[in-house]
Amino acid sequence: MSSKSAKAEHFDTLLRPVVTEKSTLGSEHNQVTFQVRIDATKPQIKAAIEGVFGVKVKAVNTLRQQGKLKRFRGKLGKRPDYKKAIVTLVEGETIDITTGV
């Protein structure tokens, strides 16, 4: 596998950063939160973060969030399920998610 296709695979694994009040508090502990593909594994997420941002990852914690049931004009609908990854970086490493890659 060439490095170019591996790079594209990394971008497919990471969908978007999660910017919430709780995820912002994690930045005090060197943590960054991303929404990832639902079938992504921890080693794939670690490789994607290290490959895209060029930082060293200490740990990856994941959770699956079930989609909420919502009503729209009286009809019941369901938001999609998704997976979040809370990535802890090695001391001294940072990721600025407000700028583009």
Protein backbone atom coordinates (compact mmCIF):
# COMPACT_ATOMS: atom_id res chain seq x y z
CA MET A 1 0.00 0.00 0.00
CA SER A 2 1.42 3.36 -0.98
CA SER A 3 1.55 6.28 1.43
CA LYS A 4 -0.83 8.25 -0.80
CA SER A 5 -3.64 5.68 -0.49
CA ALA A 6 -2.93 5.30 3.23
CA LYS A 7 -3.35 9.06 3.59
CA ALA A 8 -6.75 8.93 1.84
CA GLU A 9 -7.76 6.07 4.14
CA HIS A 10 -6.89 8.24 7.17
CA PHE A 11 -9.15 11.02 5.94
CA ASP A 12 -11.97 8.48 5.43
CA THR A 13 -11.64 7.28 9.04
CA LEU A 14 -11.93 10.75 10.62
CA LEU A 15 -15.24 12.41 9.78
CA ARG A 16 -15.20 15.66 11.78
CA PRO A 17 -14.02 17.13 15.06
CA VAL A 18 -16.59 17.36 17.85
CA VAL A 19 -16.75 20.90 19.23
CA THR A 20 -18.92 20.95 22.33
CA GLU A 21 -18.55 22.34 25.81
CA LYS A 22 -17.56 18.93 27.16
CA SER A 23 -15.02 18.21 24.41
CA THR A 24 -13.48 21.65 24.91
CA LEU A 25 -12.95 20.86 28.60
CA GLY A 26 -11.03 17.75 27.50
CA SER A 27 -8.41 19.97 25.86
CA GLU A 28 -7.18 20.86 29.37
CA HIS A 29 -6.18 17.19 29.71
CA ASN A 30 -4.54 16.99 26.25
CA GLN A 31 -7.63 15.34 24.72
CA VAL A 32 -9.27 15.93 21.34
CA THR A 33 -12.64 14.46 20.29
CA PHE A 34 -13.50 13.34 16.75
CA GLN A 35 -16.50 11.74 15.12
CA VAL A 36 -15.25 8.66 13.26
CA ARG A 37 -16.65 5.95 11.01
CA ILE A 38 -18.90 3.56 12.93
CA ASP A 39 -16.71 0.56 11.96
CA ALA A 40 -13.34 2.21 12.76
CA THR A 41 -11.14 0.43 15.30
CA LYS A 42 -8.87 2.04 17.89
CA PRO A 43 -5.63 1.16 16.00
CA GLN A 44 -7.10 2.63 12.79
CA ILE A 45 -8.09 5.84 14.62
CA LYS A 46 -4.64 6.13 16.20
CA ALA A 47 -2.92 5.65 12.83
CA ALA A 48 -5.23 8.21 11.20
CA ILE A 49 -4.59 10.89 13.86
CA GLU A 50 -0.82 10.33 13.76
CA GLY A 51 -0.80 10.28 9.94
CA VAL A 52 -2.96 13.35 9.34
CA PHE A 53 -1.81 15.64 12.14
CA GLY A 54 1.74 14.35 12.71
CA VAL A 55 1.36 14.01 16.49
CA LYS A 56 1.99 11.15 18.93
CA VAL A 57 -1.14 9.53 20.41
CA LYS A 58 -1.07 8.17 23.97
CA ALA A 59 -4.56 6.56 24.10
CA VAL A 60 -7.82 6.27 22.18
CA ASN A 61 -11.19 5.83 23.90
CA THR A 62 -14.29 5.23 21.78
CA LEU A 63 -18.03 5.29 22.35
CA ARG A 64 -21.03 4.54 20.17
CA GLN A 65 -23.85 7.06 20.41
CA GLN A 66 -27.35 5.81 19.57
CA GLY A 67 -29.39 8.16 17.38
CA LYS A 68 -32.31 9.94 19.01
CA LEU A 69 -35.94 9.37 18.06
CA LYS A 70 -37.39 12.67 16.86
CA ARG A 71 -40.76 13.77 15.52
CA PHE A 72 -41.14 15.96 12.46
CA ARG A 73 -44.66 17.04 11.45
CA GLY A 74 -46.11 14.19 13.53
CA LYS A 75 -43.98 11.52 11.85
CA LEU A 76 -41.46 9.57 13.89
CA GLY A 77 -37.90 9.58 12.61
CA LYS A 78 -34.53 8.46 13.93
CA ARG A 79 -31.22 10.26 13.76
CA PRO A 80 -28.32 8.06 12.66
CA ASP A 81 -26.04 6.29 15.14
CA TYR A 82 -22.45 7.52 15.26
CA LYS A 83 -19.11 6.80 16.93
CA LYS A 84 -16.92 9.25 18.83
CA ALA A 85 -13.22 8.87 19.60
CA ILE A 86 -11.62 10.72 22.50
CA VAL A 87 -7.92 10.87 21.65
CA THR A 88 -5.36 11.57 24.40
CA LEU A 89 -2.14 13.04 23.06
CA VAL A 90 1.35 12.64 24.49
CA GLU A 91 2.41 15.51 26.79
CA GLY A 92 3.55 18.50 24.75
CA GLU A 93 1.62 17.58 21.58
CA THR A 94 -1.35 19.69 20.39
CA ILE A 95 -3.89 19.69 17.58
CA ASP A 96 -5.57 22.93 16.52
CA ILE A 97 -8.94 21.76 15.14
CA THR A 98 -10.12 25.28 14.31
CA THR A 99 -7.75 25.46 11.31
CA GLY A 100 -7.96 23.28 8.21
CA VAL A 101 -5.66 20.35 7.56
